[in-house]
Protein backbone atom coordinates (compact mmCIF):
# COMPACT_ATOMS: atom_id res chain seq x y z
CA UNK A 1 -13.19 15.18 4.28
CA UNK A 2 -11.97 14.93 8.06
CA UNK A 3 -12.75 11.03 10.53
CA UNK A 4 -10.58 10.49 13.16
CA UNK A 5 -8.97 7.39 12.71
CA UNK A 6 -6.55 4.96 14.21
CA UNK A 7 -3.05 5.79 11.96
CA UNK A 8 -3.86 9.42 11.37
CA UNK A 9 -6.31 11.99 11.38
CA UNK A 10 -8.10 12.16 7.66
CA UNK A 11 -9.86 9.90 5.66
CA UNK A 12 -9.51 9.61 2.51
CA UNK A 13 -12.76 9.09 -0.36
CA UNK A 14 -11.59 6.81 -3.30
CA UNK A 15 -13.31 6.69 -6.90
CA UNK A 16 -15.16 2.94 -6.70
CA UNK A 17 -12.27 1.89 -9.83
CA UNK A 18 -9.67 2.24 -6.97
CA UNK A 19 -11.25 1.35 -4.46
CA UNK A 20 -11.32 -2.49 -6.33
CA UNK A 21 -8.36 -1.92 -7.44
CA UNK A 22 -6.25 -2.06 -4.43
CA UNK A 23 -8.84 -4.46 -2.86
CA UNK A 24 -8.17 -6.85 -5.42
CA UNK A 25 -4.55 -6.05 -4.98
CA UNK A 26 -4.63 -7.10 -1.78
CA UNK A 27 -6.75 -10.06 -1.57
CA UNK A 28 -4.18 -12.11 -3.88
CA UNK A 29 -1.61 -10.68 -2.21
CA UNK A 30 -3.28 -11.84 0.89
CA UNK A 31 -3.67 -15.48 -1.39
CA UNK A 32 -0.35 -15.67 -1.45
CA UNK A 33 1.00 -14.97 1.72
CA UNK A 34 -1.46 -18.15 3.20
CA UNK A 35 0.09 -20.57 -0.03
CA UNK A 36 3.92 -19.19 2.23
CA UNK A 37 1.63 -19.93 5.11
CA UNK A 38 0.73 -23.82 3.74
CA UNK A 39 4.48 -23.98 2.01
CA UNK A 40 5.63 -24.19 5.49
CA UNK A 41 3.22 -26.45 6.94
CA UNK A 42 4.07 -28.68 4.67
CA UNK A 43 7.64 -28.98 4.10
CA UNK A 44 8.76 -27.11 1.36
CA UNK A 45 11.91 -26.56 0.64
CA UNK A 46 13.23 -23.93 1.56
CA UNK A 47 14.11 -22.58 -1.77
CA UNK A 48 11.13 -22.67 -3.27
CA UNK A 49 9.46 -20.27 -0.54
CA UNK A 50 11.76 -17.19 -1.21
CA UNK A 51 10.74 -17.75 -4.37
CA UNK A 52 7.06 -16.60 -3.10
CA UNK A 53 8.69 -14.37 -0.46
CA UNK A 54 9.48 -12.28 -3.51
CA UNK A 55 6.88 -12.56 -4.59
CA UNK A 56 4.49 -11.52 -2.50
CA UNK A 57 7.16 -8.63 -1.64
CA UNK A 58 7.03 -7.24 -5.01
CA UNK A 59 2.85 -7.15 -4.94
CA UNK A 60 3.23 -4.71 -1.65
CA UNK A 61 5.64 -2.73 -3.83
CA UNK A 62 3.51 -2.54 -6.28
CA UNK A 63 0.55 -2.25 -3.95
CA UNK A 64 2.44 0.81 -2.36
CA UNK A 65 2.99 2.60 -5.96
CA UNK A 66 -0.05 2.39 -6.83
CA UNK A 67 -1.44 4.43 -3.39
CA UNK A 68 1.45 6.69 -4.26
CA UNK A 69 0.52 7.54 -6.95
CA UNK A 70 -2.70 7.79 -6.45
CA UNK A 71 -2.05 10.05 -2.89
CA UNK A 72 0.14 12.33 -4.75
CA UNK A 73 -2.34 12.95 -7.91
CA UNK A 74 -5.28 12.92 -5.58
CA UNK A 75 -5.14 14.29 -2.06
CA UNK A 76 -1.58 15.88 -3.08
CA UNK A 77 -2.62 18.63 -4.93
CA UNK A 78 -5.58 19.19 -3.71
CA UNK A 79 -3.62 20.66 -0.69
CA UNK A 80 -1.13 22.68 -2.34
CA UNK A 81 -4.54 23.61 -4.65
CA UNK A 82 -5.53 24.96 -1.36
CA UNK A 83 -2.49 26.52 0.26
CA UNK A 84 -1.92 23.59 2.98
CA UNK A 85 1.77 23.00 2.35
CA UNK A 86 2.07 21.07 5.33
CA UNK A 87 1.77 17.62 2.82
CA UNK A 88 4.80 17.78 1.70
CA UNK A 89 6.34 17.59 4.20
CA UNK A 90 4.28 14.44 5.05
CA UNK A 91 4.78 13.05 1.88
CA UNK A 92 8.32 13.58 2.38
CA UNK A 93 8.83 12.09 5.30
CA UNK A 94 5.86 8.92 4.49
CA UNK A 95 8.20 8.39 1.43
CA UNK A 96 11.48 8.37 3.86
CA UNK A 97 9.78 5.47 5.65
CA UNK A 98 8.58 3.67 2.68
CA UNK A 99 13.22 4.29 1.01
CA UNK A 100 14.45 2.65 4.60
């Protein structure tokens, strides 16, 4: 199903399980970021904040891995089966951005 959105011309319908997993991960990350903000507001020692920032970075990387795996197993496979090999170029471009 393709619809216009702010970032792409494509839209993905996710299973309920995938949706809940991604939202749960994002809610945890959001809570971690709010915790870091609170630490800064409370003048917590720098290294303690840096450890929490590293935890958020790890959580975001984990989110990216799950989302990328889901994308490859669904969208990319479907598009290749349908003969839309330009999806490989899109995937390669996305991987390059992720590896910066």
